[in-house]
Amino acid sequence: MAQKPCGMHPEDIKAFICKTWGTLAAFSVAKGRAPAAASNAIRQPSYSHPMAQIIAKEMGKQPYDVWPDFYHPDGTPVPCRIGRTSTAASGVAHRQNEVAA
């Protein structure tokens, strides 16, 4: 059975950016983003696909090479909201309880 690719470790990504830019905040601001954008994208890659793509481009890699769990090999993001079903009671059932009371 083939093993799933694991991608890069977040600390390796941080180290690369910090060696080049000094801090994650300086990198984010230089790219025209909020100071916490790079940190959020590294910690949670599905949080900001555009920032994750900027980070991968800075490293000279494709997003799939850095985060294979969150990107398809062609570079498109994997949807993060697959198969969600509502657990809330429907309005009809709620109204039935009011009428019966």
PDB file of N, CA and C in Angstrom:
ATOM      1  N   MET A   1       0.839  -1.176   0.000  1.00  0.00           N
ATOM      2  CA  MET A   1       0.000   0.000   0.000  1.00  0.00           C
ATOM      3  C   MET A   1       0.885   1.241   0.000  1.00  0.00           C
ATOM      4  N   ALA A   2       0.534   2.213  -0.820  1.00  0.00           N
ATOM      5  CA  ALA A   2       1.335   3.437  -0.937  1.00  0.00           C
ATOM      6  C   ALA A   2       1.095   4.337   0.269  1.00  0.00           C
ATOM      7  N   GLN A   3       2.184   4.971   0.733  1.00  0.00           N
ATOM      8  CA  GLN A   3       2.064   5.891   1.848  1.00  0.00           C
ATOM      9  C   GLN A   3       1.627   7.263   1.353  1.00  0.00           C
ATOM     10  N   LYS A   4       0.849   7.937   2.168  1.00  0.00           N
ATOM     11  CA  LYS A   4       0.381   9.271   1.847  1.00  0.00           C
ATOM     12  C   LYS A   4       1.541  10.258   2.058  1.00  0.00           C
ATOM     13  N   PRO A   5       1.770  11.195   1.125  1.00  0.00           N
ATOM     14  CA  PRO A   5       2.840  12.163   1.331  1.00  0.00           C
ATOM     15  C   PRO A   5       2.543  13.041   2.535  1.00  0.00           C
ATOM     16  N   CYS A   6       3.583  13.364   3.312  1.00  0.00           N
ATOM     17  CA  CYS A   6       3.348  14.111   4.550  1.00  0.00           C
ATOM     18  C   CYS A   6       3.655  15.598   4.415  1.00  0.00           C
ATOM     19  N   GLY A   7       4.342  16.027   3.397  1.00  0.00           N
ATOM     20  CA  GLY A   7       4.617  17.448   3.227  1.00  0.00           C
ATOM     21  C   GLY A   7       5.731  17.939   4.132  1.00  0.00           C
ATOM     22  N   MET A   8       5.825  19.245   4.244  1.00  0.00           N
ATOM     23  CA  MET A   8       6.885  19.848   5.053  1.00  0.00           C
ATOM     24  C   MET A   8       6.389  20.105   6.469  1.00  0.00           C
ATOM     25  N   HIS A   9       7.306  20.069   7.405  1.00  0.00           N
ATOM     26  CA  HIS A   9       6.980  20.358   8.790  1.00  0.00           C
ATOM     27  C   HIS A   9       6.813  21.877   8.945  1.00  0.00           C
ATOM     28  N   PRO A  10       5.824  22.330   9.729  1.00  0.00           N
ATOM     29  CA  PRO A  10       5.623  23.768   9.897  1.00  0.00           C
ATOM     30  C   PRO A  10       6.858  24.525  10.392  1.00  0.00           C
ATOM     31  N   GLU A  11       7.657  23.896  11.238  1.00  0.00           N
ATOM     32  CA  GLU A  11       8.868  24.559  11.734  1.00  0.00           C
ATOM     33  C   GLU A  11       9.902  24.758  10.622  1.00  0.00           C
ATOM     34  N   ASP A  12       9.944  23.841   9.653  1.00  0.00           N
ATOM     35  CA  ASP A  12      10.849  24.007   8.514  1.00  0.00           C
ATOM     36  C   ASP A  12      10.411  25.182   7.644  1.00  0.00           C
ATOM     37  N   ILE A  13       9.103  25.332   7.485  1.00  0.00           N
ATOM     38  CA  ILE A  13       8.574  26.452   6.701  1.00  0.00           C
ATOM     39  C   ILE A  13       8.893  27.765   7.411  1.00  0.00           C
ATOM     40  N   LYS A  14       8.645  27.810   8.731  1.00  0.00           N
ATOM     41  CA  LYS A  14       8.949  29.012   9.517  1.00  0.00           C
ATOM     42  C   LYS A  14      10.431  29.353   9.433  1.00  0.00           C
ATOM     43  N   ALA A  15      11.289  28.353   9.558  1.00  0.00           N
ATOM     44  CA  ALA A  15      12.729  28.587   9.519  1.00  0.00           C
ATOM     45  C   ALA A  15      13.154  29.169   8.180  1.00  0.00           C
ATOM     46  N   PHE A  16      12.599  28.665   7.090  1.00  0.00           N
ATOM     47  CA  PHE A  16      12.943  29.189   5.768  1.00  0.00           C
ATOM     48  C   PHE A  16      12.570  30.659   5.666  1.00  0.00           C
ATOM     49  N   ILE A  17      11.353  31.003   6.082  1.00  0.00           N
ATOM     50  CA  ILE A  17      10.904  32.393   5.989  1.00  0.00           C
ATOM     51  C   ILE A  17      11.712  33.293   6.916  1.00  0.00           C
ATOM     52  N   CYS A  18      11.973  32.829   8.125  1.00  0.00           N
ATOM     53  CA  CYS A  18      12.720  33.656   9.087  1.00  0.00           C
ATOM     54  C   CYS A  18      14.161  33.880   8.650  1.00  0.00           C
ATOM     55  N   LYS A  19      14.766  32.913   7.971  1.00  0.00           N
ATOM     56  CA  LYS A  19      16.129  33.093   7.462  1.00  0.00           C
ATOM     57  C   LYS A  19      16.173  34.173   6.386  1.00  0.00           C
ATOM     58  N   THR A  20      15.111  34.254   5.601  1.00  0.00           N
ATOM     59  CA  THR A  20      15.065  35.200   4.497  1.00  0.00           C
ATOM     60  C   THR A  20      14.528  36.564   4.908  1.00  0.00           C
ATOM     61  N   TRP A  21      13.468  36.590   5.696  1.00  0.00           N
ATOM     62  CA  TRP A  21      12.744  37.825   5.989  1.00  0.00           C
ATOM     63  C   TRP A  21      12.893  38.311   7.425  1.00  0.00           C
ATOM     64  N   GLY A  22      13.444  37.513   8.308  1.00  0.00           N
ATOM     65  CA  GLY A  22      13.589  37.915   9.705  1.00  0.00           C
ATOM     66  C   GLY A  22      12.458  37.403  10.575  1.00  0.00           C
ATOM     67  N   THR A  23      11.232  37.790  10.263  1.00  0.00           N
ATOM     68  CA  THR A  23      10.083  37.321  11.026  1.00  0.00           C
ATOM     69  C   THR A  23       8.942  36.975  10.065  1.00  0.00           C
ATOM     70  N   LEU A  24       7.996  36.214  10.585  1.00  0.00           N
ATOM     71  CA  LEU A  24       6.822  35.882   9.782  1.00  0.00           C
ATOM     72  C   LEU A  24       5.990  37.141   9.517  1.00  0.00           C
ATOM     73  N   ALA A  25       5.925  38.028  10.512  1.00  0.00           N
ATOM     74  CA  ALA A  25       5.152  39.264  10.351  1.00  0.00           C
ATOM     75  C   ALA A  25       5.769  40.151   9.279  1.00  0.00           C
ATOM     76  N   ALA A  26       7.089  40.245   9.245  1.00  0.00           N
ATOM     77  CA  ALA A  26       7.751  41.065   8.224  1.00  0.00           C
ATOM     78  C   ALA A  26       7.482  40.505   6.832  1.00  0.00           C
ATOM     79  N   PHE A  27       7.487  39.199   6.707  1.00  0.00           N
ATOM     80  CA  PHE A  27       7.176  38.559   5.423  1.00  0.00           C
ATOM     81  C   PHE A  27       5.749  38.882   4.995  1.00  0.00           C
ATOM     82  N   SER A  28       4.803  38.741   5.925  1.00  0.00           N
ATOM     83  CA  SER A  28       3.398  39.002   5.609  1.00  0.00           C
ATOM     84  C   SER A  28       3.185  40.446   5.161  1.00  0.00           C
ATOM     85  N   VAL A  29       3.761  41.385   5.893  1.00  0.00           N
ATOM     86  CA  VAL A  29       3.598  42.796   5.562  1.00  0.00           C
ATOM     87  C   VAL A  29       4.255  43.114   4.218  1.00  0.00           C
ATOM     88  N   ALA A  30       5.408  42.515   3.947  1.00  0.00           N
ATOM     89  CA  ALA A  30       6.090  42.741   2.672  1.00  0.00           C
ATOM     90  C   ALA A  30       5.264  42.227   1.498  1.00  0.00           C
ATOM     91  N   LYS A  31       4.451  41.221   1.736  1.00  0.00           N
ATOM     92  CA  LYS A  31       3.601  40.661   0.685  1.00  0.00           C
ATOM     93  C   LYS A  31       2.231  41.331   0.641  1.00  0.00           C
ATOM     94  N   GLY A  32       2.040  42.388   1.452  1.00  0.00           N
ATOM     95  CA  GLY A  32       0.791  43.137   1.429  1.00  0.00           C
ATOM     96  C   GLY A  32      -0.335  42.497   2.211  1.00  0.00           C
ATOM     97  N   ARG A  33      -0.012  41.714   3.184  1.00  0.00           N
ATOM     98  CA  ARG A  33      -1.018  41.018   3.997  1.00  0.00           C
ATOM     99  C   ARG A  33      -0.942  41.494   5.442  1.00  0.00           C
ATOM    100  N   ALA A  34      -1.861  41.034   6.256  1.00  0.00           N
ATOM    101  CA  ALA A  34      -1.863  41.338   7.682  1.00  0.00           C
ATOM    102  C   ALA A  34      -0.651  40.678   8.342  1.00  0.00           C
ATOM    103  N   PRO A  35      -0.136  41.255   9.438  1.00  0.00           N
ATOM    104  CA  PRO A  35       1.057  40.685  10.082  1.00  0.00           C
ATOM    105  C   PRO A  35       0.925  39.218  10.500  1.00  0.00           C
ATOM    106  N   ALA A  36      -0.261  38.766  10.851  1.00  0.00           N
ATOM    107  CA  ALA A  36      -0.439  37.373  11.295  1.00  0.00           C
ATOM    108  C   ALA A  36      -0.785  36.419  10.158  1.00  0.00           C
ATOM    109  N   ALA A  37      -0.837  36.886   8.936  1.00  0.00           N
ATOM    110  CA  ALA A  37      -1.290  36.051   7.817  1.00  0.00           C
ATOM    111  C   ALA A  37      -0.392  34.839   7.581  1.00  0.00           C
ATOM    112  N   ALA A  38       0.916  35.020   7.582  1.00  0.00           N
ATOM    113  CA  ALA A  38       1.823  33.892   7.341  1.00  0.00           C
ATOM    114  C   ALA A  38       1.740  32.874   8.467  1.00  0.00           C
ATOM    115  N   SER A  39       1.676  33.359   9.694  1.00  0.00           N
ATOM    116  CA  SER A  39       1.572  32.458  10.832  1.00  0.00           C
ATOM    117  C   SER A  39       0.295  31.630  10.760  1.00  0.00           C
ATOM    118  N   ASN A  40      -0.815  32.272  10.430  1.00  0.00           N
ATOM    119  CA  ASN A  40      -2.090  31.551  10.305  1.00  0.00           C
ATOM    120  C   ASN A  40      -2.045  30.537   9.166  1.00  0.00           C
ATOM    121  N   ALA A  41      -1.448  30.906   8.043  1.00  0.00           N
ATOM    122  CA  ALA A  41      -1.383  30.004   6.894  1.00  0.00           C
ATOM    123  C   ALA A  41      -0.495  28.792   7.172  1.00  0.00           C
ATOM    124  N   ILE A  42       0.568  28.984   7.934  1.00  0.00           N
ATOM    125  CA  ILE A  42       1.456  27.857   8.261  1.00  0.00           C
ATOM    126  C   ILE A  42       0.790  26.934   9.266  1.00  0.00           C
ATOM    127  N   ARG A  43       0.152  27.524  10.257  1.00  0.00           N
ATOM    128  CA  ARG A  43      -0.484  26.740  11.312  1.00  0.00           C
ATOM    129  C   ARG A  43      -1.709  25.999  10.784  1.00  0.00           C
ATOM    130  N   GLN A  44      -2.445  26.625   9.879  1.00  0.00           N
ATOM    131  CA  GLN A  44      -3.685  26.063   9.369  1.00  0.00           C
ATOM    132  C   GLN A  44      -3.777  26.363   7.865  1.00  0.00           C
ATOM    133  N   PRO A  45      -3.183  25.517   7.007  1.00  0.00           N
ATOM    134  CA  PRO A  45      -3.079  25.828   5.580  1.00  0.00           C
ATOM    135  C   PRO A  45      -4.401  26.086   4.872  1.00  0.00           C
ATOM    136  N   SER A  46      -5.493  25.516   5.354  1.00  0.00           N
ATOM    137  CA  SER A  46      -6.776  25.768   4.702  1.00  0.00           C
ATOM    138  C   SER A  46      -7.358  27.116   5.106  1.00  0.00           C
ATOM    139  N   TYR A  47      -6.714  27.815   6.048  1.00  0.00           N
ATOM    140  CA  TYR A  47      -7.179  29.112   6.530  1.00  0.00           C
ATOM    141  C   TYR A  47      -7.114  30.169   5.434  1.00  0.00           C
ATOM    142  N   SER A  48      -6.006  30.213   4.702  1.00  0.00           N
ATOM    143  CA  SER A  48      -5.836  31.202   3.644  1.00  0.00           C
ATOM    144  C   SER A  48      -5.066  30.569   2.488  1.00  0.00           C
ATOM    145  N   HIS A  49      -5.797  30.130   1.474  1.00  0.00           N
ATOM    146  CA  HIS A  49      -5.141  29.525   0.318  1.00  0.00           C
ATOM    147  C   HIS A  49      -4.241  30.514  -0.419  1.00  0.00           C
ATOM    148  N   PRO A  50      -4.642  31.777  -0.593  1.00  0.00           N
ATOM    149  CA  PRO A  50      -3.742  32.713  -1.287  1.00  0.00           C
ATOM    150  C   PRO A  50      -2.407  32.894  -0.554  1.00  0.00           C
ATOM    151  N   MET A  51      -2.441  32.995   0.777  1.00  0.00           N
ATOM    152  CA  MET A  51      -1.190  33.170   1.531  1.00  0.00           C
ATOM    153  C   MET A  51      -0.357  31.893   1.479  1.00  0.00           C
ATOM    154  N   ALA A  52      -0.990  30.741   1.541  1.00  0.00           N
ATOM    155  CA  ALA A  52      -0.253  29.479   1.444  1.00  0.00           C
ATOM    156  C   ALA A  52       0.431  29.367   0.083  1.00  0.00           C
ATOM    157  N   GLN A  53      -0.229  29.850  -0.973  1.00  0.00           N
ATOM    158  CA  GLN A  53       0.381  29.820  -2.303  1.00  0.00           C
ATOM    159  C   GLN A  53       1.549  30.805  -2.386  1.00  0.00           C
ATOM    160  N   ILE A  54       1.444  31.952  -1.716  1.00  0.00           N
ATOM    161  CA  ILE A  54       2.552  32.915  -1.683  1.00  0.00           C
ATOM    162  C   ILE A  54       3.753  32.300  -0.971  1.00  0.00           C
ATOM    163  N   ILE A  55       3.502  31.608   0.136  1.00  0.00           N
ATOM    164  CA  ILE A  55       4.591  30.964   0.887  1.00  0.00           C
ATOM    165  C   ILE A  55       5.264  29.898   0.033  1.00  0.00           C
ATOM    166  N   ALA A  56       4.473  29.062  -0.626  1.00  0.00           N
ATOM    167  CA  ALA A  56       5.045  28.004  -1.474  1.00  0.00           C
ATOM    168  C   ALA A  56       5.862  28.609  -2.611  1.00  0.00           C
ATOM    169  N   LYS A  57       5.357  29.670  -3.222  1.00  0.00           N
ATOM    170  CA  LYS A  57       6.089  30.325  -4.316  1.00  0.00           C
ATOM    171  C   LYS A  57       7.406  30.899  -3.811  1.00  0.00           C
ATOM    172  N   GLU A  58       7.397  31.484  -2.614  1.00  0.00           N
ATOM    173  CA  GLU A  58       8.625  32.038  -2.019  1.00  0.00           C
ATOM    174  C   GLU A  58       9.668  30.944  -1.805  1.00  0.00           C
ATOM    175  N   MET A  59       9.192  29.751  -1.484  1.00  0.00           N
ATOM    176  CA  MET A  59      10.097  28.621  -1.248  1.00  0.00           C
ATOM    177  C   MET A  59      10.525  27.949  -2.546  1.00  0.00           C
ATOM    178  N   GLY A  60       9.933  28.366  -3.668  1.00  0.00           N
ATOM    179  CA  GLY A  60      10.266  27.761  -4.951  1.00  0.00           C
ATOM    180  C   GLY A  60       9.616  26.406  -5.153  1.00  0.00           C
ATOM    181  N   LYS A  61       8.472  26.192  -4.510  1.00  0.00           N
ATOM    182  CA  LYS A  61       7.770  24.915  -4.595  1.00  0.00           C
ATOM    183  C   LYS A  61       6.323  25.152  -4.979  1.00  0.00           C
ATOM    184  N   GLN A  62       5.639  24.070  -5.299  1.00  0.00           N
ATOM    185  CA  GLN A  62       4.207  24.105  -5.534  1.00  0.00           C
ATOM    186  C   GLN A  62       3.496  23.901  -4.195  1.00  0.00           C
ATOM    187  N   PRO A  63       2.286  24.452  -4.015  1.00  0.00           N
ATOM    188  CA  PRO A  63       1.564  24.247  -2.750  1.00  0.00           C
ATOM    189  C   PRO A  63       1.393  22.774  -2.381  1.00  0.00           C
ATOM    190  N   TYR A  64       1.219  21.906  -3.381  1.00  0.00           N
ATOM    191  CA  TYR A  64       1.071  20.476  -3.111  1.00  0.00           C
ATOM    192  C   TYR A  64       2.326  19.886  -2.467  1.00  0.00           C
ATOM    193  N   ASP A  65       3.501  20.392  -2.850  1.00  0.00           N
ATOM    194  CA  ASP A  65       4.746  19.876  -2.286  1.00  0.00           C
ATOM    195  C   ASP A  65       4.904  20.258  -0.811  1.00  0.00           C
ATOM    196  N   VAL A  66       4.352  21.416  -0.442  1.00  0.00           N
ATOM    197  CA  VAL A  66       4.465  21.889   0.930  1.00  0.00           C
ATOM    198  C   VAL A  66       3.347  21.309   1.798  1.00  0.00           C
ATOM    199  N   TRP A  67       2.106  21.331   1.291  1.00  0.00           N
ATOM    200  CA  TRP A  67       0.941  20.847   2.031  1.00  0.00           C
ATOM    201  C   TRP A  67       0.140  19.862   1.178  1.00  0.00           C
ATOM    202  N   PRO A  68       0.572  18.619   1.037  1.00  0.00           N
ATOM    203  CA  PRO A  68      -0.138  17.668   0.172  1.00  0.00           C
ATOM    204  C   PRO A  68      -1.531  17.299   0.675  1.00  0.00           C
ATOM    205  N   ASP A  69      -1.813  17.487   1.962  1.00  0.00           N
ATOM    206  CA  ASP A  69      -3.139  17.173   2.476  1.00  0.00           C
ATOM    207  C   ASP A  69      -4.181  18.207   2.057  1.00  0.00           C
ATOM    208  N   PHE A  70      -3.744  19.414   1.719  1.00  0.00           N
ATOM    209  CA  PHE A  70      -4.669  20.505   1.459  1.00  0.00           C
ATOM    210  C   PHE A  70      -4.739  20.930  -0.001  1.00  0.00           C
ATOM    211  N   TYR A  71      -3.884  20.355  -0.853  1.00  0.00           N
ATOM    212  CA  TYR A  71      -3.862  20.720  -2.270  1.00  0.00           C
ATOM    213  C   TYR A  71      -3.807  19.477  -3.145  1.00  0.00           C
ATOM    214  N   HIS A  72      -4.442  19.566  -4.313  1.00  0.00           N
ATOM    215  CA  HIS A  72      -4.331  18.520  -5.320  1.00  0.00           C
ATOM    216  C   HIS A  72      -2.984  18.677  -6.030  1.00  0.00           C
ATOM    217  N   PRO A  73      -2.474  17.621  -6.675  1.00  0.00           N
ATOM    218  CA  PRO A  73      -1.193  17.736  -7.385  1.00  0.00           C
ATOM    219  C   PRO A  73      -1.157  18.852  -8.429  1.00  0.00           C
ATOM    220  N   ASP A  74      -2.307  19.246  -8.970  1.00  0.00           N
ATOM    221  CA  ASP A  74      -2.313  20.329  -9.961  1.00  0.00           C
ATOM    222  C   ASP A  74      -2.297  21.712  -9.312  1.00  0.00           C
ATOM    223  N   GLY A  75      -2.325  21.795  -7.970  1.00  0.00           N
ATOM    224  CA  GLY A  75      -2.235  23.068  -7.267  1.00  0.00           C
ATOM    225  C   GLY A  75      -3.554  23.638  -6.811  1.00  0.00           C
ATOM    226  N   THR A  76      -4.673  23.005  -7.153  1.00  0.00           N
ATOM    227  CA  THR A  76      -5.960  23.507  -6.704  1.00  0.00           C
ATOM    228  C   THR A  76      -6.221  23.052  -5.271  1.00  0.00           C
ATOM    229  N   PRO A  77      -6.843  23.919  -4.460  1.00  0.00           N
ATOM    230  CA  PRO A  77      -7.088  23.543  -3.065  1.00  0.00           C
ATOM    231  C   PRO A  77      -8.140  22.449  -2.927  1.00  0.00           C
ATOM    232  N   VAL A  78      -7.962  21.614  -1.922  1.00  0.00           N
ATOM    233  CA  VAL A  78      -8.938  20.580  -1.590  1.00  0.00           C
ATOM    234  C   VAL A  78     -10.038  21.261  -0.780  1.00  0.00           C
ATOM    235  N   PRO A  79     -11.311  21.059  -1.121  1.00  0.00           N
ATOM    236  CA  PRO A  79     -12.376  21.680  -0.334  1.00  0.00           C
ATOM    237  C   PRO A  79     -12.332  21.189   1.112  1.00  0.00           C
ATOM    238  N   CYS A  80     -12.487  22.096   2.055  1.00  0.00           N
ATOM    239  CA  CYS A  80     -12.375  21.702   3.462  1.00  0.00           C
ATOM    240  C   CYS A  80     -13.729  21.424   4.099  1.00  0.00           C
ATOM    241  N   ARG A  81     -14.824  21.650   3.399  1.00  0.00           N
ATOM    242  CA  ARG A  81     -16.153  21.410   3.965  1.00  0.00           C
ATOM    243  C   ARG A  81     -16.882  20.334   3.178  1.00  0.00           C
ATOM    244  N   ILE A  82     -16.374  19.134   3.263  1.00  0.00           N
ATOM    245  CA  ILE A  82     -16.950  18.020   2.517  1.00  0.00           C
ATOM    246  C   ILE A  82     -17.886  17.235   3.425  1.00  0.00           C
ATOM    247  N   GLY A  83     -19.085  16.964   2.939  1.00  0.00           N
ATOM    248  CA  GLY A  83     -19.989  16.052   3.621  1.00  0.00           C
ATOM    249  C   GLY A  83     -20.538  16.526   4.952  1.00  0.00           C
ATOM    250  N   ARG A  84     -20.703  17.804   5.149  1.00  0.00           N
ATOM    251  CA  ARG A  84     -21.283  18.271   6.399  1.00  0.00           C
ATOM    252  C   ARG A  84     -22.804  18.155   6.331  1.00  0.00           C
ATOM    253  N   THR A  85     -23.405  17.690   7.411  1.00  0.00           N
ATOM    254  CA  THR A  85     -24.855  17.625   7.495  1.00  0.00           C
ATOM    255  C   THR A  85     -25.300  18.424   8.714  1.00  0.00           C
ATOM    256  N   SER A  86     -26.447  19.031   8.610  1.00  0.00           N
ATOM    257  CA  SER A  86     -26.960  19.843   9.695  1.00  0.00           C
ATOM    258  C   SER A  86     -27.437  18.951  10.837  1.00  0.00           C
ATOM    259  N   THR A  87     -27.122  19.329  12.062  1.00  0.00           N
ATOM    260  CA  THR A  87     -27.578  18.579  13.232  1.00  0.00           C
ATOM    261  C   THR A  87     -28.694  19.318  13.956  1.00  0.00           C
ATOM    262  N   ALA A  88     -29.037  20.499  13.464  1.00  0.00           N
ATOM    263  CA  ALA A  88     -30.096  21.288  14.091  1.00  0.00           C
ATOM    264  C   ALA A  88     -31.459  20.690  13.756  1.00  0.00           C
ATOM    265  N   ALA A  89     -32.387  20.831  14.694  1.00  0.00           N
ATOM    266  CA  ALA A  89     -33.749  20.359  14.456  1.00  0.00           C
ATOM    267  C   ALA A  89     -34.406  21.246  13.406  1.00  0.00           C
ATOM    268  N   SER A  90     -35.206  20.646  12.567  1.00  0.00           N
ATOM    269  CA  SER A  90     -35.867  21.422  11.520  1.00  0.00           C
ATOM    270  C   SER A  90     -36.950  22.296  12.139  1.00  0.00           C
ATOM    271  N   GLY A  91     -37.291  23.368  11.456  1.00  0.00           N
ATOM    272  CA  GLY A  91     -38.317  24.286  11.936  1.00  0.00           C
ATOM    273  C   GLY A  91     -39.684  23.650  12.014  1.00  0.00           C
ATOM    274  N   VAL A  92     -39.951  22.688  11.138  1.00  0.00           N
ATOM    275  CA  VAL A  92     -41.250  22.025  11.118  1.00  0.00           C
ATOM    276  C   VAL A  92     -41.467  21.255  12.415  1.00  0.00           C
ATOM    277  N   ALA A  93     -40.477  20.504  12.858  1.00  0.00           N
ATOM    278  CA  ALA A  93     -40.606  19.731  14.088  1.00  0.00           C
ATOM    279  C   ALA A  93     -40.791  20.659  15.283  1.00  0.00           C
ATOM    280  N   HIS A  94     -40.156  21.798  15.274  1.00  0.00           N
ATOM    281  CA  HIS A  94     -40.279  22.753  16.372  1.00  0.00           C
ATOM    282  C   HIS A  94     -41.702  23.313  16.425  1.00  0.00           C
ATOM    283  N   ARG A  95     -42.266  23.633  15.254  1.00  0.00           N
ATOM    284  CA  ARG A  95     -43.621  24.163  15.203  1.00  0.00           C
ATOM    285  C   ARG A  95     -44.645  23.126  15.663  1.00  0.00           C
ATOM    286  N   GLN A  96     -44.405  21.869  15.383  1.00  0.00           N
ATOM    287  CA  GLN A  96     -45.323  20.818  15.808  1.00  0.00           C
ATOM    288  C   GLN A  96     -45.399  20.764  17.326  1.00  0.00           C
ATOM    289  N   ASN A  97     -44.287  20.970  17.991  1.00  0.00           N
ATOM    290  CA  ASN A  97     -44.287  20.956  19.450  1.00  0.00           C
ATOM    291  C   ASN A  97     -45.098  22.117  20.001  1.00  0.00           C
ATOM    292  N   GLU A  98     -45.051  23.278  19.346  1.00  0.00           N
ATOM    293  CA  GLU A  98     -45.795  24.428  19.828  1.00  0.00           C
ATOM    294  C   GLU A  98     -47.307  24.183  19.681  1.00  0.00           C
ATOM    295  N   VAL A  99     -47.724  23.613  18.565  1.00  0.00           N
ATOM    296  CA  VAL A  99     -49.151  23.394  18.323  1.00  0.00           C
ATOM    297  C   VAL A  99     -49.702  22.379  19.324  1.00  0.00           C
ATOM    298  N   ALA A 100     -48.928  21.350  19.626  1.00  0.00           N
ATOM    299  CA  ALA A 100     -49.402  20.294  20.507  1.00  0.00           C
ATOM    300  C   ALA A 100     -49.516  20.782  21.947  1.00  0.00           C
ATOM    301  N   ALA A 101     -48.788  21.808  22.303  1.00  0.00           N
ATOM    302  CA  ALA A 101     -48.783  22.252  23.696  1.00  0.00           C
ATOM    303  C   ALA A 101     -49.984  23.034  24.098  1.00  0.00           C
TER     304      ALA A 101
END
